[in-house]
Amino acid sequence: MNINTKYHGEIEVKEDMLTFEQGIPGFTDEKKFVLLPLPENDWFHILQSVSTPQLGFVVTDPFLFIEEYDFELDSGNVELLGFTSDKDVKVLTILTIKETLKESTANLQAPIVINLANNKAKQVILNESNYQTRHLIFAQPERAGKE
């Protein structure tokens, strides 16, 4: 299947699309997305809507930048996403890219949680007050990009 994308132009995608059964907050009609790598960059990806070409979010693995990032999914979200194993959990965070990368921020208060076993995904709103919607991703330069 071919789709038009915000950053990659027209591309062919396979059937391994992510399904957001409830959509994404602010985009509740958007249910299908693909995760596209950025060329020559292992840290950042595009979460691209399958149906709306101009809807693509820059995302990253928050654990690459924020070592102490931690949260627990409530039982309702675990059930909605169908988790049966911790190894199937993938967490991403939506970035706001600024003019310089050092000013760019991550939304740690609303991570995207993906079940790799069934490709179900959800943007989860955390009630934890210590996480912000605009957390500097390079606030800990000694950690940035280390695995």
C-alpha atoms as a PDB file:
ATOM      1  CA  MET A   1       0.000   0.000   0.000  1.00  0.00           C
ATOM      2  CA  ASN A   2       1.327   3.451  -0.927  1.00  0.00           C
ATOM      3  CA  ILE A   3       0.850   6.482   1.308  1.00  0.00           C
ATOM      4  CA  ASN A   4       1.886  10.115   1.110  1.00  0.00           C
ATOM      5  CA  THR A   5       3.929  11.339   4.059  1.00  0.00           C
ATOM      6  CA  LYS A   6       4.974  14.626   5.599  1.00  0.00           C
ATOM      7  CA  TYR A   7       8.725  14.014   5.506  1.00  0.00           C
ATOM      8  CA  HIS A   8       9.329  11.040   3.171  1.00  0.00           C
ATOM      9  CA  GLY A   9       7.073  11.833   0.195  1.00  0.00           C
ATOM     10  CA  GLU A  10       5.181   8.890  -1.257  1.00  0.00           C
ATOM     11  CA  ILE A  11       6.266   5.546   0.151  1.00  0.00           C
ATOM     12  CA  GLU A  12       5.129   1.948   0.199  1.00  0.00           C
ATOM     13  CA  VAL A  13       4.187   0.555   3.611  1.00  0.00           C
ATOM     14  CA  LYS A  14       3.566  -2.991   4.704  1.00  0.00           C
ATOM     15  CA  GLU A  15       0.611  -4.123   6.750  1.00  0.00           C
ATOM     16  CA  ASP A  16       2.453  -3.785  10.087  1.00  0.00           C
ATOM     17  CA  MET A  17       0.753  -0.500  10.920  1.00  0.00           C
ATOM     18  CA  LEU A  18       0.248   0.702  14.469  1.00  0.00           C
ATOM     19  CA  THR A  19      -3.394   0.872  15.543  1.00  0.00           C
ATOM     20  CA  PHE A  20      -4.482   3.591  17.958  1.00  0.00           C
ATOM     21  CA  GLU A  21      -8.009   2.370  18.720  1.00  0.00           C
ATOM     22  CA  GLN A  22      -8.888   5.656  20.463  1.00  0.00           C
ATOM     23  CA  GLY A  23      -6.852   7.843  18.146  1.00  0.00           C
ATOM     24  CA  ILE A  24      -4.331  10.318  19.526  1.00  0.00           C
ATOM     25  CA  PRO A  25      -5.481  13.203  21.757  1.00  0.00           C
ATOM     26  CA  GLY A  26      -6.348  16.053  19.422  1.00  0.00           C
ATOM     27  CA  PHE A  27      -6.551  13.611  16.488  1.00  0.00           C
ATOM     28  CA  THR A  28      -9.199  11.116  17.591  1.00  0.00           C
ATOM     29  CA  ASP A  29     -10.104  10.145  14.007  1.00  0.00           C
ATOM     30  CA  GLU A  30      -6.507   9.136  13.251  1.00  0.00           C
ATOM     31  CA  LYS A  31      -6.300   5.419  14.026  1.00  0.00           C
ATOM     32  CA  LYS A  32      -3.527   4.016  11.773  1.00  0.00           C
ATOM     33  CA  PHE A  33       0.106   5.090  11.830  1.00  0.00           C
ATOM     34  CA  VAL A  34       3.452   3.777  10.628  1.00  0.00           C
ATOM     35  CA  LEU A  35       6.796   4.311  12.279  1.00  0.00           C
ATOM     36  CA  LEU A  36       9.343   5.537   9.738  1.00  0.00           C
ATOM     37  CA  PRO A  37      13.058   5.886  10.421  1.00  0.00           C
ATOM     38  CA  LEU A  38      14.846   9.098   9.607  1.00  0.00           C
ATOM     39  CA  PRO A  39      17.650   8.442   7.115  1.00  0.00           C
ATOM     40  CA  GLU A  40      21.090   8.152   8.716  1.00  0.00           C
ATOM     41  CA  ASN A  41      19.656   8.679  12.226  1.00  0.00           C
ATOM     42  CA  ASP A  42      18.979   5.913  14.728  1.00  0.00           C
ATOM     43  CA  TRP A  43      17.591   8.165  17.471  1.00  0.00           C
ATOM     44  CA  PHE A  44      14.585   9.755  15.779  1.00  0.00           C
ATOM     45  CA  HIS A  45      11.613   8.398  13.817  1.00  0.00           C
ATOM     46  CA  ILE A  46       8.442   9.769  12.279  1.00  0.00           C
ATOM     47  CA  LEU A  47       5.095   8.519  13.559  1.00  0.00           C
ATOM     48  CA  GLN A  48       3.192   9.046  10.305  1.00  0.00           C
ATOM     49  CA  SER A  49      -0.576   8.961   9.869  1.00  0.00           C
ATOM     50  CA  VAL A  50      -1.596   6.554   7.126  1.00  0.00           C
ATOM     51  CA  SER A  51      -4.621   8.657   6.093  1.00  0.00           C
ATOM     52  CA  THR A  52      -3.383  12.255   6.560  1.00  0.00           C
ATOM     53  CA  PRO A  53      -0.114  13.047   4.744  1.00  0.00           C
ATOM     54  CA  GLN A  54       0.657  16.210   6.728  1.00  0.00           C
ATOM     55  CA  LEU A  55       0.269  14.477  10.106  1.00  0.00           C
ATOM     56  CA  GLY A  56       3.644  13.151  11.160  1.00  0.00           C
ATOM     57  CA  PHE A  57       5.218  13.413  14.609  1.00  0.00           C
ATOM     58  CA  VAL A  58       8.935  13.285  15.313  1.00  0.00           C
ATOM     59  CA  VAL A  59       9.390  10.672  18.057  1.00  0.00           C
ATOM     60  CA  THR A  60      12.215   9.071  19.990  1.00  0.00           C
ATOM     61  CA  ASP A  61      12.913   6.525  22.685  1.00  0.00           C
ATOM     62  CA  PRO A  62      12.900   8.683  25.848  1.00  0.00           C
ATOM     63  CA  PHE A  63      15.276   6.300  27.644  1.00  0.00           C
ATOM     64  CA  LEU A  64      18.067   7.393  25.286  1.00  0.00           C
ATOM     65  CA  PHE A  65      17.916  10.864  26.855  1.00  0.00           C
ATOM     66  CA  ILE A  66      16.298  10.600  30.300  1.00  0.00           C
ATOM     67  CA  GLU A  67      17.804   7.798  32.338  1.00  0.00           C
ATOM     68  CA  GLU A  68      15.402   8.124  35.284  1.00  0.00           C
ATOM     69  CA  TYR A  69      12.214   8.217  33.183  1.00  0.00           C
ATOM     70  CA  ASP A  70       9.814   5.724  34.713  1.00  0.00           C
ATOM     71  CA  PHE A  71       6.070   5.192  34.921  1.00  0.00           C
ATOM     72  CA  GLU A  72       3.596   2.402  35.456  1.00  0.00           C
ATOM     73  CA  LEU A  73       0.661   1.643  33.166  1.00  0.00           C
ATOM     74  CA  ASP A  74      -2.652   1.197  34.905  1.00  0.00           C
ATOM     75  CA  SER A  75      -4.509  -2.086  34.439  1.00  0.00           C
ATOM     76  CA  GLY A  76      -7.000  -0.512  32.017  1.00  0.00           C
ATOM     77  CA  ASN A  77      -4.253   0.486  29.588  1.00  0.00           C
ATOM     78  CA  VAL A  78      -2.477  -2.858  29.993  1.00  0.00           C
ATOM     79  CA  GLU A  79      -5.744  -4.583  29.062  1.00  0.00           C
ATOM     80  CA  LEU A  80      -6.557  -2.173  26.206  1.00  0.00           C
ATOM     81  CA  LEU A  81      -3.145  -2.735  24.641  1.00  0.00           C
ATOM     82  CA  GLY A  82      -3.260  -6.480  25.292  1.00  0.00           C
ATOM     83  CA  PHE A  83       0.094  -6.836  27.032  1.00  0.00           C
ATOM     84  CA  THR A  84       1.074 -10.307  28.158  1.00  0.00           C
ATOM     85  CA  SER A  85       4.838  -9.723  28.421  1.00  0.00           C
ATOM     86  CA  ASP A  86       7.079  -6.807  29.380  1.00  0.00           C
ATOM     87  CA  LYS A  87       9.346  -7.616  26.436  1.00  0.00           C
ATOM     88  CA  ASP A  88       6.591  -6.488  24.041  1.00  0.00           C
ATOM     89  CA  VAL A  89       6.518  -2.919  25.430  1.00  0.00           C
ATOM     90  CA  LYS A  90       7.983  -0.072  23.395  1.00  0.00           C
ATOM     91  CA  VAL A  91       7.793   3.511  24.642  1.00  0.00           C
ATOM     92  CA  LEU A  92       8.208   6.592  22.468  1.00  0.00           C
ATOM     93  CA  THR A  93       7.788  10.270  23.160  1.00  0.00           C
ATOM     94  CA  ILE A  94       6.686  13.016  20.775  1.00  0.00           C
ATOM     95  CA  LEU A  95       9.267  15.738  20.237  1.00  0.00           C
ATOM     96  CA  THR A  96       8.954  19.408  19.518  1.00  0.00           C
ATOM     97  CA  ILE A  97      11.926  20.207  17.312  1.00  0.00           C
ATOM     98  CA  LYS A  98      13.311  23.717  17.773  1.00  0.00           C
ATOM     99  CA  GLU A  99      15.698  25.736  15.642  1.00  0.00           C
ATOM    100  CA  THR A 100      18.631  24.117  17.419  1.00  0.00           C
ATOM    101  CA  LEU A 101      18.406  20.505  18.522  1.00  0.00           C
ATOM    102  CA  LYS A 102      19.617  21.421  22.031  1.00  0.00           C
ATOM    103  CA  GLU A 103      16.411  23.460  22.539  1.00  0.00           C
ATOM    104  CA  SER A 104      14.158  20.604  21.386  1.00  0.00           C
ATOM    105  CA  THR A 105      11.763  19.088  23.902  1.00  0.00           C
ATOM    106  CA  ALA A 106      10.016  15.791  24.612  1.00  0.00           C
ATOM    107  CA  ASN A 107       6.499  15.278  25.916  1.00  0.00           C
ATOM    108  CA  LEU A 108       7.224  13.018  28.887  1.00  0.00           C
ATOM    109  CA  GLN A 109       3.760  13.535  30.328  1.00  0.00           C
ATOM    110  CA  ALA A 110       2.102  11.742  27.400  1.00  0.00           C
ATOM    111  CA  PRO A 111       4.269   8.875  26.110  1.00  0.00           C
ATOM    112  CA  ILE A 112       3.232   6.624  23.273  1.00  0.00           C
ATOM    113  CA  VAL A 113       3.104   3.013  24.446  1.00  0.00           C
ATOM    114  CA  ILE A 114       3.209   0.252  21.817  1.00  0.00           C
ATOM    115  CA  ASN A 115       2.567  -3.464  22.137  1.00  0.00           C
ATOM    116  CA  LEU A 116       5.039  -4.946  19.660  1.00  0.00           C
ATOM    117  CA  ALA A 117       3.211  -8.305  19.693  1.00  0.00           C
ATOM    118  CA  ASN A 118      -0.048  -6.946  18.244  1.00  0.00           C
ATOM    119  CA  ASN A 119       0.881  -3.412  17.019  1.00  0.00           C
ATOM    120  CA  LYS A 120      -1.678  -1.760  19.295  1.00  0.00           C
ATOM    121  CA  ALA A 121      -0.630   1.671  20.536  1.00  0.00           C
ATOM    122  CA  LYS A 122      -1.903   4.458  22.733  1.00  0.00           C
ATOM    123  CA  GLN A 123      -0.736   7.869  23.815  1.00  0.00           C
ATOM    124  CA  VAL A 124      -1.049   7.608  27.586  1.00  0.00           C
ATOM    125  CA  ILE A 125      -1.569  10.732  29.690  1.00  0.00           C
ATOM    126  CA  LEU A 126       0.393  10.398  32.940  1.00  0.00           C
ATOM    127  CA  ASN A 127      -0.805  12.079  36.098  1.00  0.00           C
ATOM    128  CA  GLU A 128       2.722  12.283  37.488  1.00  0.00           C
ATOM    129  CA  SER A 129       3.520  15.915  38.236  1.00  0.00           C
ATOM    130  CA  ASN A 130       7.292  15.491  37.807  1.00  0.00           C
ATOM    131  CA  TYR A 131       6.942  14.946  34.037  1.00  0.00           C
ATOM    132  CA  GLN A 132       6.464  17.847  31.673  1.00  0.00           C
ATOM    133  CA  THR A 133       5.096  18.242  28.180  1.00  0.00           C
ATOM    134  CA  ARG A 134       8.242  20.173  27.232  1.00  0.00           C
ATOM    135  CA  HIS A 135      11.236  18.461  28.808  1.00  0.00           C
ATOM    136  CA  LEU A 136      14.605  19.354  27.257  1.00  0.00           C
ATOM    137  CA  ILE A 137      15.941  16.167  25.708  1.00  0.00           C
ATOM    138  CA  PHE A 138      19.551  17.255  26.073  1.00  0.00           C
ATOM    139  CA  ALA A 139      19.185  18.275  29.734  1.00  0.00           C
ATOM    140  CA  GLN A 140      21.547  15.377  30.608  1.00  0.00           C
ATOM    141  CA  PRO A 141      24.240  15.552  27.908  1.00  0.00           C
ATOM    142  CA  GLU A 142      26.314  12.808  29.535  1.00  0.00           C
ATOM    143  CA  ARG A 143      23.413  10.364  28.941  1.00  0.00           C
ATOM    144  CA  ALA A 144      22.221  11.487  25.502  1.00  0.00           C
ATOM    145  CA  GLY A 145      22.329   8.697  22.988  1.00  0.00           C
ATOM    146  CA  LYS A 146      23.993   6.121  25.232  1.00  0.00           C
ATOM    147  CA  GLU A 147      22.454   2.682  25.426  1.00  0.00           C
END
